[in-house]
Structure formats: C-alpha cells, structure tokens
Amino acid sequence: MVDDMQFAKLNERVALLERQVEALMQQLKFAYVDRPATQLYPDVAEMKRRGNLIEAIKLYRGHTNASLAEAKTYVENMQV
C-alpha cells in the first residue's frame, strides 16, 4: 500500500518526467499524436475520408482544444 508521502513523491517524479518530455519535444519540434484503438471522432474521420482536411482539423480542434499543429498532425496521421 502506498502512503500519502510516497504518493506525493511519485506525483513529483511524474510531473518532472512530464516536464522533461515536453522540453525535449519542444526542442525537437516534435508533436506527439496518441493513436487510440477506436475512432473517437467519427465526424473528423468522415471529413478526412472526403478529402476535407481543413474541416477535419477544425472539428478535431473543436473536440480537443488542441493546437493547430497538434490537430494537423493528428488528422494527417488518422487511419480512415
């Protein structure tokens, strides 16, 4: 069983790792795209299937509040 002190230390370590990964991603100008097992945004996929990438990106941003770069990367890498 993890006590409150151990939990706090784990949270601090995770936060540090997240900051380090974020710094590395920014330094490398790398956008991470999580590819879920199922299609979470069927309307975005449909727009991509139709070849309307701009609308697909707009829809994705509306669903997730992602940056333009993140949304573009996500939509371009979507499997439809």
PDB file of N, CA and C in Angstrom:
ATOM      1  N   MET A   1       0.839  -1.170   0.000  1.00  0.00           N
ATOM      2  CA  MET A   1       0.000   0.000   0.000  1.00  0.00           C
ATOM      3  C   MET A   1       0.888   1.238   0.000  1.00  0.00           C
ATOM      4  N   VAL A   2       0.519   2.239  -0.800  1.00  0.00           N
ATOM      5  CA  VAL A   2       1.294   3.469  -0.892  1.00  0.00           C
ATOM      6  C   VAL A   2       0.697   4.500   0.058  1.00  0.00           C
ATOM      7  N   ASP A   3       1.564   5.053   0.927  1.00  0.00           N
ATOM      8  CA  ASP A   3       1.054   6.074   1.849  1.00  0.00           C
ATOM      9  C   ASP A   3       1.089   7.449   1.173  1.00  0.00           C
ATOM     10  N   ASP A   4       0.579   8.458   1.871  1.00  0.00           N
ATOM     11  CA  ASP A   4       0.465   9.802   1.302  1.00  0.00           C
ATOM     12  C   ASP A   4       1.818  10.386   0.903  1.00  0.00           C
ATOM     13  N   MET A   5       2.844  10.146   1.686  1.00  0.00           N
ATOM     14  CA  MET A   5       4.172  10.674   1.388  1.00  0.00           C
ATOM     15  C   MET A   5       4.739  10.035   0.125  1.00  0.00           C
ATOM     16  N   GLN A   6       4.601   8.719   0.015  1.00  0.00           N
ATOM     17  CA  GLN A   6       5.078   8.014  -1.175  1.00  0.00           C
ATOM     18  C   GLN A   6       4.306   8.474  -2.407  1.00  0.00           C
ATOM     19  N   PHE A   7       3.006   8.658  -2.250  1.00  0.00           N
ATOM     20  CA  PHE A   7       2.174   9.109  -3.357  1.00  0.00           C
ATOM     21  C   PHE A   7       2.599  10.506  -3.811  1.00  0.00           C
ATOM     22  N   ALA A   8       2.881  11.381  -2.887  1.00  0.00           N
ATOM     23  CA  ALA A   8       3.328  12.741  -3.211  1.00  0.00           C
ATOM     24  C   ALA A   8       4.657  12.705  -3.954  1.00  0.00           C
ATOM     25  N   LYS A   9       5.578  11.846  -3.505  1.00  0.00           N
ATOM     26  CA  LYS A   9       6.872  11.725  -4.183  1.00  0.00           C
ATOM     27  C   LYS A   9       6.705  11.178  -5.596  1.00  0.00           C
ATOM     28  N   LEU A  10       5.823  10.201  -5.763  1.00  0.00           N
ATOM     29  CA  LEU A  10       5.560   9.662  -7.102  1.00  0.00           C
ATOM     30  C   LEU A  10       4.967  10.734  -8.005  1.00  0.00           C
ATOM     31  N   ASN A  11       4.051  11.522  -7.474  1.00  0.00           N
ATOM     32  CA  ASN A  11       3.465  12.606  -8.257  1.00  0.00           C
ATOM     33  C   ASN A  11       4.525  13.605  -8.697  1.00  0.00           C
ATOM     34  N   GLU A  12       5.451  13.938  -7.790  1.00  0.00           N
ATOM     35  CA  GLU A  12       6.535  14.860  -8.127  1.00  0.00           C
ATOM     36  C   GLU A  12       7.419  14.291  -9.238  1.00  0.00           C
ATOM     37  N   ARG A  13       7.723  13.009  -9.141  1.00  0.00           N
ATOM     38  CA  ARG A  13       8.567  12.369 -10.162  1.00  0.00           C
ATOM     39  C   ARG A  13       7.867  12.334 -11.514  1.00  0.00           C
ATOM     40  N   VAL A  14       6.580  12.027 -11.517  1.00  0.00           N
ATOM     41  CA  VAL A  14       5.820  12.006 -12.766  1.00  0.00           C
ATOM     42  C   VAL A  14       5.767  13.413 -13.374  1.00  0.00           C
ATOM     43  N   ALA A  15       5.534  14.415 -12.539  1.00  0.00           N
ATOM     44  CA  ALA A  15       5.489  15.795 -13.018  1.00  0.00           C
ATOM     45  C   ALA A  15       6.835  16.195 -13.627  1.00  0.00           C
ATOM     46  N   LEU A  16       7.940  15.812 -12.987  1.00  0.00           N
ATOM     47  CA  LEU A  16       9.272  16.095 -13.513  1.00  0.00           C
ATOM     48  C   LEU A  16       9.470  15.420 -14.863  1.00  0.00           C
ATOM     49  N   LEU A  17       9.096  14.166 -14.958  1.00  0.00           N
ATOM     50  CA  LEU A  17       9.229  13.442 -16.227  1.00  0.00           C
ATOM     51  C   LEU A  17       8.384  14.088 -17.328  1.00  0.00           C
ATOM     52  N   GLU A  18       7.174  14.512 -16.986  1.00  0.00           N
ATOM     53  CA  GLU A  18       6.331  15.169 -17.973  1.00  0.00           C
ATOM     54  C   GLU A  18       6.966  16.467 -18.468  1.00  0.00           C
ATOM     55  N   ARG A  19       7.557  17.243 -17.546  1.00  0.00           N
ATOM     56  CA  ARG A  19       8.217  18.488 -17.953  1.00  0.00           C
ATOM     57  C   ARG A  19       9.428  18.196 -18.835  1.00  0.00           C
ATOM     58  N   GLN A  20      10.172  17.155 -18.511  1.00  0.00           N
ATOM     59  CA  GLN A  20      11.346  16.796 -19.309  1.00  0.00           C
ATOM     60  C   GLN A  20      10.941  16.353 -20.714  1.00  0.00           C
ATOM     61  N   VAL A  21       9.922  15.531 -20.807  1.00  0.00           N
ATOM     62  CA  VAL A  21       9.452  15.072 -22.112  1.00  0.00           C
ATOM     63  C   VAL A  21       8.949  16.256 -22.938  1.00  0.00           C
ATOM     64  N   GLU A  22       8.187  17.138 -22.317  1.00  0.00           N
ATOM     65  CA  GLU A  22       7.679  18.321 -23.008  1.00  0.00           C
ATOM     66  C   GLU A  22       8.822  19.187 -23.526  1.00  0.00           C
ATOM     67  N   ALA A  23       9.857  19.391 -22.694  1.00  0.00           N
ATOM     68  CA  ALA A  23      11.015  20.191 -23.115  1.00  0.00           C
ATOM     69  C   ALA A  23      11.724  19.540 -24.301  1.00  0.00           C
ATOM     70  N   LEU A  24      11.890  18.221 -24.234  1.00  0.00           N
ATOM     71  CA  LEU A  24      12.529  17.512 -25.348  1.00  0.00           C
ATOM     72  C   LEU A  24      11.700  17.610 -26.623  1.00  0.00           C
ATOM     73  N   MET A  25      10.400  17.459 -26.488  1.00  0.00           N
ATOM     74  CA  MET A  25       9.526  17.543 -27.660  1.00  0.00           C
ATOM     75  C   MET A  25       9.596  18.934 -28.284  1.00  0.00           C
ATOM     76  N   GLN A  26       9.615  19.973 -27.455  1.00  0.00           N
ATOM     77  CA  GLN A  26       9.716  21.331 -27.982  1.00  0.00           C
ATOM     78  C   GLN A  26      11.065  21.548 -28.653  1.00  0.00           C
ATOM     79  N   GLN A  27      12.113  21.065 -28.034  1.00  0.00           N
ATOM     80  CA  GLN A  27      13.457  21.216 -28.589  1.00  0.00           C
ATOM     81  C   GLN A  27      13.556  20.546 -29.956  1.00  0.00           C
ATOM     82  N   LEU A  28      12.944  19.380 -30.078  1.00  0.00           N
ATOM     83  CA  LEU A  28      12.989  18.611 -31.336  1.00  0.00           C
ATOM     84  C   LEU A  28      11.888  19.022 -32.312  1.00  0.00           C
ATOM     85  N   LYS A  29      11.008  19.934 -31.874  1.00  0.00           N
ATOM     86  CA  LYS A  29       9.850  20.343 -32.680  1.00  0.00           C
ATOM     87  C   LYS A  29       9.035  19.111 -33.091  1.00  0.00           C
ATOM     88  N   PHE A  30       8.789  18.278 -32.102  1.00  0.00           N
ATOM     89  CA  PHE A  30       8.076  17.014 -32.296  1.00  0.00           C
ATOM     90  C   PHE A  30       6.687  17.115 -31.697  1.00  0.00           C
ATOM     91  N   ALA A  31       5.688  16.714 -32.472  1.00  0.00           N
ATOM     92  CA  ALA A  31       4.314  16.697 -31.970  1.00  0.00           C
ATOM     93  C   ALA A  31       3.899  15.246 -31.756  1.00  0.00           C
ATOM     94  N   TYR A  32       3.563  14.913 -30.536  1.00  0.00           N
ATOM     95  CA  TYR A  32       3.117  13.566 -30.212  1.00  0.00           C
ATOM     96  C   TYR A  32       1.648  13.420 -30.544  1.00  0.00           C
ATOM     97  N   VAL A  33       1.305  12.344 -31.217  1.00  0.00           N
ATOM     98  CA  VAL A  33      -0.088  12.062 -31.531  1.00  0.00           C
ATOM     99  C   VAL A  33      -0.431  10.707 -30.942  1.00  0.00           C
ATOM    100  N   ASP A  34      -1.369  10.695 -30.027  1.00  0.00           N
ATOM    101  CA  ASP A  34      -1.823   9.445 -29.434  1.00  0.00           C
ATOM    102  C   ASP A  34      -2.823   8.818 -30.390  1.00  0.00           C
ATOM    103  N   ARG A  35      -2.599   7.600 -30.757  1.00  0.00           N
ATOM    104  CA  ARG A  35      -3.495   6.912 -31.682  1.00  0.00           C
ATOM    105  C   ARG A  35      -4.377   5.950 -30.900  1.00  0.00           C
ATOM    106  N   PRO A  36      -5.593   6.377 -30.591  1.00  0.00           N
ATOM    107  CA  PRO A  36      -6.491   5.496 -29.837  1.00  0.00           C
ATOM    108  C   PRO A  36      -6.892   4.278 -30.660  1.00  0.00           C
ATOM    109  N   ALA A  37      -7.235   3.218 -29.968  1.00  0.00           N
ATOM    110  CA  ALA A  37      -7.611   1.968 -30.639  1.00  0.00           C
ATOM    111  C   ALA A  37      -8.895   2.118 -31.445  1.00  0.00           C
ATOM    112  N   THR A  38      -9.797   2.949 -30.971  1.00  0.00           N
ATOM    113  CA  THR A  38     -11.048   3.153 -31.685  1.00  0.00           C
ATOM    114  C   THR A  38     -11.128   4.591 -32.164  1.00  0.00           C
ATOM    115  N   GLN A  39     -11.931   4.801 -33.163  1.00  0.00           N
ATOM    116  CA  GLN A  39     -12.108   6.135 -33.717  1.00  0.00           C
ATOM    117  C   GLN A  39     -12.980   6.965 -32.788  1.00  0.00           C
ATOM    118  N   LEU A  40     -12.366   7.927 -32.111  1.00  0.00           N
ATOM    119  CA  LEU A  40     -13.103   8.736 -31.154  1.00  0.00           C
ATOM    120  C   LEU A  40     -13.925   9.825 -31.819  1.00  0.00           C
ATOM    121  N   TYR A  41     -13.520  10.257 -32.985  1.00  0.00           N
ATOM    122  CA  TYR A  41     -14.164  11.387 -33.646  1.00  0.00           C
ATOM    123  C   TYR A  41     -14.597  10.986 -35.059  1.00  0.00           C
ATOM    124  N   PRO A  42     -15.742  10.307 -35.159  1.00  0.00           N
ATOM    125  CA  PRO A  42     -16.170   9.843 -36.480  1.00  0.00           C
ATOM    126  C   PRO A  42     -16.425  10.987 -37.455  1.00  0.00           C
ATOM    127  N   ASP A  43     -16.837  12.157 -36.963  1.00  0.00           N
ATOM    128  CA  ASP A  43     -17.058  13.287 -37.868  1.00  0.00           C
ATOM    129  C   ASP A  43     -15.738  13.777 -38.460  1.00  0.00           C
ATOM    130  N   VAL A  44     -14.671  13.743 -37.662  1.00  0.00           N
ATOM    131  CA  VAL A  44     -13.354  14.135 -38.153  1.00  0.00           C
ATOM    132  C   VAL A  44     -12.892  13.128 -39.209  1.00  0.00           C
ATOM    133  N   ALA A  45     -13.061  11.844 -38.931  1.00  0.00           N
ATOM    134  CA  ALA A  45     -12.676  10.800 -39.882  1.00  0.00           C
ATOM    135  C   ALA A  45     -13.447  10.936 -41.187  1.00  0.00           C
ATOM    136  N   GLU A  46     -14.729  11.253 -41.098  1.00  0.00           N
ATOM    137  CA  GLU A  46     -15.546  11.398 -42.304  1.00  0.00           C
ATOM    138  C   GLU A  46     -15.052  12.562 -43.157  1.00  0.00           C
ATOM    139  N   MET A  47     -14.717  13.678 -42.519  1.00  0.00           N
ATOM    140  CA  MET A  47     -14.186  14.828 -43.271  1.00  0.00           C
ATOM    141  C   MET A  47     -12.867  14.468 -43.943  1.00  0.00           C
ATOM    142  N   LYS A  48     -12.027  13.698 -43.247  1.00  0.00           N
ATOM    143  CA  LYS A  48     -10.765  13.290 -43.856  1.00  0.00           C
ATOM    144  C   LYS A  48     -11.025  12.355 -45.029  1.00  0.00           C
ATOM    145  N   ARG A  49     -11.941  11.421 -44.853  1.00  0.00           N
ATOM    146  CA  ARG A  49     -12.289  10.499 -45.946  1.00  0.00           C
ATOM    147  C   ARG A  49     -12.752  11.261 -47.180  1.00  0.00           C
ATOM    148  N   ARG A  50     -13.486  12.339 -46.961  1.00  0.00           N
ATOM    149  CA  ARG A  50     -13.989  13.160 -48.071  1.00  0.00           C
ATOM    150  C   ARG A  50     -12.909  14.060 -48.671  1.00  0.00           C
ATOM    151  N   GLY A  51     -11.741  14.080 -48.033  1.00  0.00           N
ATOM    152  CA  GLY A  51     -10.649  14.906 -48.533  1.00  0.00           C
ATOM    153  C   GLY A  51     -10.673  16.336 -48.024  1.00  0.00           C
ATOM    154  N   ASN A  52     -11.515  16.613 -47.054  1.00  0.00           N
ATOM    155  CA  ASN A  52     -11.631  17.959 -46.499  1.00  0.00           C
ATOM    156  C   ASN A  52     -10.811  18.046 -45.212  1.00  0.00           C
ATOM    157  N   LEU A  53      -9.485  18.145 -45.383  1.00  0.00           N
ATOM    158  CA  LEU A  53      -8.583  18.139 -44.232  1.00  0.00           C
ATOM    159  C   LEU A  53      -8.751  19.372 -43.355  1.00  0.00           C
ATOM    160  N   ILE A  54      -8.988  20.520 -43.965  1.00  0.00           N
ATOM    161  CA  ILE A  54      -9.136  21.742 -43.168  1.00  0.00           C
ATOM    162  C   ILE A  54     -10.330  21.628 -42.233  1.00  0.00           C
ATOM    163  N   GLU A  55     -11.451  21.146 -42.744  1.00  0.00           N
ATOM    164  CA  GLU A  55     -12.634  20.978 -41.896  1.00  0.00           C
ATOM    165  C   GLU A  55     -12.391  19.917 -40.826  1.00  0.00           C
ATOM    166  N   ALA A  56     -11.684  18.852 -41.192  1.00  0.00           N
ATOM    167  CA  ALA A  56     -11.356  17.799 -40.223  1.00  0.00           C
ATOM    168  C   ALA A  56     -10.498  18.365 -39.092  1.00  0.00           C
ATOM    169  N   ILE A  57      -9.536  19.192 -39.436  1.00  0.00           N
ATOM    170  CA  ILE A  57      -8.669  19.810 -38.427  1.00  0.00           C
ATOM    171  C   ILE A  57      -9.484  20.731 -37.527  1.00  0.00           C
ATOM    172  N   LYS A  58     -10.365  21.524 -38.111  1.00  0.00           N
ATOM    173  CA  LYS A  58     -11.220  22.408 -37.324  1.00  0.00           C
ATOM    174  C   LYS A  58     -12.090  21.609 -36.357  1.00  0.00           C
ATOM    175  N   LEU A  59     -12.681  20.531 -36.850  1.00  0.00           N
ATOM    176  CA  LEU A  59     -13.521  19.697 -35.989  1.00  0.00           C
ATOM    177  C   LEU A  59     -12.715  19.102 -34.843  1.00  0.00           C
ATOM    178  N   TYR A  60     -11.533  18.586 -35.164  1.00  0.00           N
ATOM    179  CA  TYR A  60     -10.690  17.986 -34.124  1.00  0.00           C
ATOM    180  C   TYR A  60     -10.324  19.022 -33.070  1.00  0.00           C
ATOM    181  N   ARG A  61      -9.965  20.213 -33.502  1.00  0.00           N
ATOM    182  CA  ARG A  61      -9.630  21.277 -32.544  1.00  0.00           C
ATOM    183  C   ARG A  61     -10.834  21.617 -31.670  1.00  0.00           C
ATOM    184  N   GLY A  62     -12.025  21.602 -32.273  1.00  0.00           N
ATOM    185  CA  GLY A  62     -13.227  21.871 -31.502  1.00  0.00           C
ATOM    186  C   GLY A  62     -13.497  20.818 -30.440  1.00  0.00           C
ATOM    187  N   HIS A  63     -13.170  19.574 -30.758  1.00  0.00           N
ATOM    188  CA  HIS A  63     -13.376  18.476 -29.800  1.00  0.00           C
ATOM    189  C   HIS A  63     -12.340  18.485 -28.676  1.00  0.00           C
ATOM    190  N   THR A  64     -11.098  18.877 -29.002  1.00  0.00           N
ATOM    191  CA  THR A  64      -9.997  18.640 -28.077  1.00  0.00           C
ATOM    192  C   THR A  64      -9.283  19.886 -27.565  1.00  0.00           C
ATOM    193  N   ASN A  65      -9.513  21.032 -28.168  1.00  0.00           N
ATOM    194  CA  ASN A  65      -8.763  22.260 -27.858  1.00  0.00           C
ATOM    195  C   ASN A  65      -7.278  22.106 -28.171  1.00  0.00           C
ATOM    196  N   ALA A  66      -6.943  21.226 -29.091  1.00  0.00           N
ATOM    197  CA  ALA A  66      -5.550  21.030 -29.499  1.00  0.00           C
ATOM    198  C   ALA A  66      -5.067  22.254 -30.270  1.00  0.00           C
ATOM    199  N   SER A  67      -3.761  22.423 -30.302  1.00  0.00           N
ATOM    200  CA  SER A  67      -3.190  23.498 -31.106  1.00  0.00           C
ATOM    201  C   SER A  67      -3.376  23.147 -32.578  1.00  0.00           C
ATOM    202  N   LEU A  68      -3.181  24.134 -33.422  1.00  0.00           N
ATOM    203  CA  LEU A  68      -3.307  23.897 -34.858  1.00  0.00           C
ATOM    204  C   LEU A  68      -2.312  22.831 -35.316  1.00  0.00           C
ATOM    205  N   ALA A  69      -1.077  22.922 -34.848  1.00  0.00           N
ATOM    206  CA  ALA A  69      -0.052  21.948 -35.236  1.00  0.00           C
ATOM    207  C   ALA A  69      -0.403  20.542 -34.760  1.00  0.00           C
ATOM    208  N   GLU A  70      -0.873  20.422 -33.513  1.00  0.00           N
ATOM    209  CA  GLU A  70      -1.248  19.107 -32.986  1.00  0.00           C
ATOM    210  C   GLU A  70      -2.416  18.527 -33.771  1.00  0.00           C
ATOM    211  N   ALA A  71      -3.410  19.367 -34.062  1.00  0.00           N
ATOM    212  CA  ALA A  71      -4.584  18.893 -34.795  1.00  0.00           C
ATOM    213  C   ALA A  71      -4.202  18.463 -36.200  1.00  0.00           C
ATOM    214  N   LYS A  72      -3.362  19.247 -36.853  1.00  0.00           N
ATOM    215  CA  LYS A  72      -2.923  18.909 -38.214  1.00  0.00           C
ATOM    216  C   LYS A  72      -2.193  17.576 -38.217  1.00  0.00           C
ATOM    217  N   THR A  73      -1.294  17.392 -37.263  1.00  0.00           N
ATOM    218  CA  THR A  73      -0.543  16.137 -37.176  1.00  0.00           C
ATOM    219  C   THR A  73      -1.478  14.969 -36.905  1.00  0.00           C
ATOM    220  N   TYR A  74      -2.429  15.164 -35.995  1.00  0.00           N
ATOM    221  CA  TYR A  74      -3.368  14.096 -35.664  1.00  0.00           C
ATOM    222  C   TYR A  74      -4.170  13.696 -36.902  1.00  0.00           C
ATOM    223  N   VAL A  75      -4.763  14.686 -37.562  1.00  0.00           N
ATOM    224  CA  VAL A  75      -5.628  14.401 -38.709  1.00  0.00           C
ATOM    225  C   VAL A  75      -4.816  13.761 -39.845  1.00  0.00           C
ATOM    226  N   GLU A  76      -3.650  14.264 -40.104  1.00  0.00           N
ATOM    227  CA  GLU A  76      -2.819  13.696 -41.185  1.00  0.00           C
ATOM    228  C   GLU A  76      -2.457  12.248 -40.901  1.00  0.00           C
ATOM    229  N   ASN A  77      -2.343  11.889 -39.626  1.00  0.00           N
ATOM    230  CA  ASN A  77      -1.930  10.527 -39.275  1.00  0.00           C
ATOM    231  C   ASN A  77      -3.102   9.599 -38.953  1.00  0.00           C
ATOM    232  N   MET A  78      -4.324  10.115 -39.033  1.00  0.00           N
ATOM    233  CA  MET A  78      -5.507   9.292 -38.752  1.00  0.00           C
ATOM    234  C   MET A  78      -5.610   8.153 -39.771  1.00  0.00           C
ATOM    235  N   GLN A  79      -5.993   7.012 -39.282  1.00  0.00           N
ATOM    236  CA  GLN A  79      -6.284   5.889 -40.174  1.00  0.00           C
ATOM    237  C   GLN A  79      -7.785   5.899 -40.459  1.00  0.00           C
ATOM    238  N   VAL A  80      -8.144   6.133 -41.699  1.00  0.00           N
ATOM    239  CA  VAL A  80      -9.577   6.153 -42.053  1.00  0.00           C
ATOM    240  C   VAL A  80      -9.873   5.139 -43.125  1.00  0.00           C
TER     241      VAL A  80
END
